[in-house]
C-alpha cells in the first residue's frame, strides 16, 4: 500500500512529461505533411557520391551499386 504513495505521483509526472514532449513536437511541426515523407522514400534514388565522398569511401564502396550492401557491412 505504501508503494502507491510513490507510484501514483510518479505516474502522474510521467504522463505530464509525455504530454509536454508531445506538445513540443506538435508545436515544432513534427506531424506536418506526413504523406510527403512517406512518398519521399519511394521517390528517385539519392544522388551518388561526389568526388570527396568517393575518395573517403575507398575503392570497395565506389564500385558497389547504391541499392546493395556487402556482407561485411
N, C-alpha and C. Protein backbone atom coordinates (compact mmCIF):
# COMPACT_ATOMS: atom_id res chain seq x y z
N UNK A 1 0.82 -1.19 0.00
CA UNK A 1 0.00 0.00 0.00
C UNK A 1 0.87 1.26 0.00
N UNK A 2 1.98 1.21 0.72
CA UNK A 2 2.84 2.39 0.80
C UNK A 2 3.47 2.70 -0.55
N UNK A 3 3.64 1.67 -1.37
CA UNK A 3 4.26 1.91 -2.67
C UNK A 3 3.36 2.75 -3.57
N UNK A 4 2.05 2.70 -3.35
CA UNK A 4 1.14 3.52 -4.15
C UNK A 4 1.36 5.00 -3.91
N UNK A 5 1.79 5.37 -2.72
CA UNK A 5 2.07 6.78 -2.43
C UNK A 5 3.23 7.30 -3.27
N UNK A 6 4.08 6.40 -3.70
CA UNK A 6 5.19 6.77 -4.57
C UNK A 6 4.83 6.60 -6.05
N UNK A 7 4.16 5.51 -6.39
CA UNK A 7 3.90 5.19 -7.79
C UNK A 7 2.86 6.09 -8.44
N UNK A 8 1.84 6.49 -7.72
CA UNK A 8 0.80 7.35 -8.32
C UNK A 8 1.36 8.73 -8.68
N UNK A 9 2.08 9.41 -7.81
CA UNK A 9 2.66 10.70 -8.23
C UNK A 9 3.69 10.55 -9.35
N UNK A 10 4.48 9.47 -9.32
CA UNK A 10 5.46 9.26 -10.39
C UNK A 10 4.76 9.02 -11.73
N UNK A 11 3.68 8.27 -11.73
CA UNK A 11 2.96 8.04 -12.98
C UNK A 11 2.30 9.32 -13.47
N UNK A 12 1.81 10.15 -12.56
CA UNK A 12 1.23 11.44 -12.96
C UNK A 12 2.30 12.34 -13.57
N UNK A 13 3.50 12.34 -13.00
CA UNK A 13 4.60 13.13 -13.56
C UNK A 13 5.01 12.60 -14.93
N UNK A 14 5.01 11.29 -15.08
CA UNK A 14 5.36 10.69 -16.36
C UNK A 14 4.34 11.08 -17.44
N UNK A 15 3.06 11.07 -17.10
CA UNK A 15 2.03 11.47 -18.05
C UNK A 15 2.21 12.93 -18.43
N UNK A 16 2.49 13.78 -17.47
CA UNK A 16 2.71 15.20 -17.77
C UNK A 16 3.95 15.40 -18.64
N UNK A 17 4.98 14.63 -18.40
CA UNK A 17 6.19 14.71 -19.22
C UNK A 17 5.90 14.28 -20.66
N UNK A 18 5.16 13.20 -20.81
CA UNK A 18 4.80 12.72 -22.15
C UNK A 18 3.96 13.75 -22.88
N UNK A 19 2.99 14.35 -22.20
CA UNK A 19 2.17 15.39 -22.81
C UNK A 19 3.01 16.61 -23.19
N UNK A 20 3.98 16.96 -22.37
CA UNK A 20 4.84 18.10 -22.68
C UNK A 20 5.69 17.82 -23.92
N UNK A 21 6.24 16.63 -24.03
CA UNK A 21 7.05 16.27 -25.21
C UNK A 21 6.16 16.23 -26.45
N UNK A 22 4.96 15.70 -26.33
CA UNK A 22 4.04 15.67 -27.47
C UNK A 22 3.66 17.08 -27.89
N UNK A 23 3.37 17.95 -26.93
CA UNK A 23 3.04 19.34 -27.25
C UNK A 23 4.20 20.06 -27.91
N UNK A 24 5.40 19.80 -27.44
CA UNK A 24 6.59 20.41 -28.04
C UNK A 24 6.75 19.96 -29.49
N UNK A 25 6.58 18.66 -29.73
CA UNK A 25 6.71 18.13 -31.09
C UNK A 25 5.61 18.66 -31.99
N UNK A 26 4.42 18.80 -31.47
CA UNK A 26 3.32 19.33 -32.25
C UNK A 26 3.57 20.80 -32.60
N UNK A 27 4.07 21.55 -31.65
CA UNK A 27 4.37 22.97 -31.87
C UNK A 27 5.51 23.15 -32.87
N UNK A 28 6.47 22.25 -32.88
CA UNK A 28 7.62 22.35 -33.79
C UNK A 28 7.31 21.84 -35.19
N UNK A 29 6.10 21.32 -35.43
CA UNK A 29 5.71 20.89 -36.77
C UNK A 29 6.16 19.50 -37.14
N UNK A 30 6.38 18.63 -36.17
CA UNK A 30 6.84 17.28 -36.45
C UNK A 30 5.78 16.42 -37.13
N UNK A 31 4.52 16.80 -37.02
CA UNK A 31 3.45 15.98 -37.56
C UNK A 31 2.81 16.61 -38.80
N UNK A 32 3.51 17.52 -39.46
CA UNK A 32 3.00 18.15 -40.66
C UNK A 32 3.49 17.38 -41.88
N UNK A 33 2.67 17.29 -42.88
CA UNK A 33 2.99 16.67 -44.16
C UNK A 33 3.52 15.24 -44.00
N UNK A 34 2.79 14.41 -43.31
CA UNK A 34 3.21 13.02 -43.11
C UNK A 34 3.18 12.24 -44.42
N UNK A 35 2.25 12.57 -45.31
CA UNK A 35 2.17 11.87 -46.59
C UNK A 35 3.38 12.17 -47.45
N UNK A 36 3.88 13.39 -47.40
CA UNK A 36 5.04 13.75 -48.21
C UNK A 36 6.27 12.96 -47.80
N UNK A 37 6.44 12.70 -46.52
CA UNK A 37 7.59 11.93 -46.06
C UNK A 37 7.48 10.47 -46.50
N UNK A 38 6.27 9.94 -46.51
CA UNK A 38 6.09 8.57 -46.98
C UNK A 38 6.37 8.43 -48.47
N UNK A 39 6.04 9.46 -49.23
CA UNK A 39 6.30 9.43 -50.67
C UNK A 39 7.77 9.73 -50.98
N UNK A 40 8.44 10.45 -50.11
CA UNK A 40 9.84 10.81 -50.35
C UNK A 40 10.73 9.57 -50.42
N UNK A 41 10.47 8.59 -49.57
CA UNK A 41 11.33 7.42 -49.57
C UNK A 41 11.06 6.51 -50.76
N UNK A 42 9.92 6.70 -51.42
CA UNK A 42 9.60 5.90 -52.60
C UNK A 42 10.06 6.57 -53.89
N UNK A 43 10.54 7.80 -53.79
CA UNK A 43 10.91 8.58 -54.96
C UNK A 43 12.21 8.13 -55.59
N UNK A 44 12.81 9.04 -56.31
CA UNK A 44 14.03 8.77 -57.06
C UNK A 44 15.18 8.40 -56.13
N UNK A 45 16.16 7.73 -56.70
CA UNK A 45 17.35 7.35 -55.95
C UNK A 45 18.10 8.62 -55.51
N UNK A 46 18.74 8.58 -54.35
CA UNK A 46 19.52 9.74 -53.92
C UNK A 46 20.73 9.93 -54.84
N UNK A 47 21.24 11.14 -54.83
CA UNK A 47 22.41 11.45 -55.67
C UNK A 47 23.59 10.57 -55.25
N UNK A 48 24.43 10.25 -56.21
CA UNK A 48 25.59 9.42 -55.94
C UNK A 48 26.64 10.17 -55.14
N UNK A 49 27.74 9.51 -54.90
CA UNK A 49 28.83 10.11 -54.16
C UNK A 49 29.52 11.16 -55.01
N UNK A 50 29.88 12.27 -54.39
CA UNK A 50 30.69 13.24 -55.11
C UNK A 50 32.17 12.85 -54.95
N UNK A 51 33.07 13.62 -55.52
CA UNK A 51 34.48 13.25 -55.54
C UNK A 51 35.06 13.12 -54.13
N UNK A 52 34.69 14.03 -53.22
CA UNK A 52 35.23 13.97 -51.86
C UNK A 52 34.71 12.74 -51.11
N UNK A 53 33.43 12.45 -51.26
CA UNK A 53 32.87 11.30 -50.56
C UNK A 53 33.41 9.99 -51.15
N UNK A 54 33.60 9.94 -52.45
CA UNK A 54 34.10 8.73 -53.09
C UNK A 54 35.53 8.44 -52.64
N UNK A 55 36.35 9.49 -52.48
CA UNK A 55 37.72 9.29 -52.02
C UNK A 55 37.75 8.76 -50.59
N UNK A 56 36.84 9.26 -49.76
CA UNK A 56 36.80 8.82 -48.36
C UNK A 56 36.22 7.41 -48.25
N UNK A 57 35.35 7.01 -49.17
CA UNK A 57 34.71 5.70 -49.11
C UNK A 57 35.67 4.59 -49.49
N UNK A 58 36.63 4.87 -50.33
CA UNK A 58 37.58 3.86 -50.74
C UNK A 58 37.11 3.13 -51.99
N UNK A 59 37.97 2.32 -52.56
CA UNK A 59 37.64 1.67 -53.83
C UNK A 59 36.55 0.61 -53.71
N UNK A 60 36.40 0.00 -52.53
CA UNK A 60 35.41 -1.06 -52.37
C UNK A 60 33.99 -0.51 -52.52
N UNK A 61 33.70 0.62 -51.91
CA UNK A 61 32.36 1.15 -51.94
C UNK A 61 32.06 1.93 -53.21
N UNK A 62 33.08 2.36 -53.95
CA UNK A 62 32.83 3.09 -55.18
C UNK A 62 32.19 2.19 -56.22
N UNK A 63 32.58 0.92 -56.26
CA UNK A 63 32.08 0.04 -57.29
C UNK A 63 30.75 -0.61 -56.93
N UNK A 64 30.30 -0.45 -55.70
CA UNK A 64 29.04 -1.06 -55.28
C UNK A 64 27.86 -0.32 -55.89
N UNK A 65 26.83 -1.07 -56.19
CA UNK A 65 25.57 -0.47 -56.65
C UNK A 65 24.95 0.22 -55.43
N UNK A 66 24.31 1.41 -55.59
CA UNK A 66 23.77 2.14 -54.44
C UNK A 66 22.73 1.37 -53.64
N UNK A 67 22.05 0.45 -54.26
CA UNK A 67 20.99 -0.28 -53.54
C UNK A 67 21.46 -1.55 -52.88
N UNK A 68 22.74 -1.92 -53.00
CA UNK A 68 23.21 -3.18 -52.43
C UNK A 68 24.18 -2.92 -51.30
N UNK A 69 24.30 -3.91 -50.46
CA UNK A 69 25.27 -3.84 -49.36
C UNK A 69 26.09 -5.11 -49.38
N UNK A 70 27.32 -4.98 -48.97
CA UNK A 70 28.16 -6.17 -48.90
C UNK A 70 27.87 -6.92 -47.61
N UNK A 71 28.30 -8.16 -47.52
CA UNK A 71 28.04 -8.98 -46.35
C UNK A 71 28.78 -8.47 -45.13
N UNK A 72 29.88 -7.75 -45.31
CA UNK A 72 30.67 -7.28 -44.18
C UNK A 72 30.13 -6.02 -43.55
N UNK A 73 29.17 -5.40 -44.16
CA UNK A 73 28.67 -4.12 -43.63
C UNK A 73 27.56 -4.34 -42.67
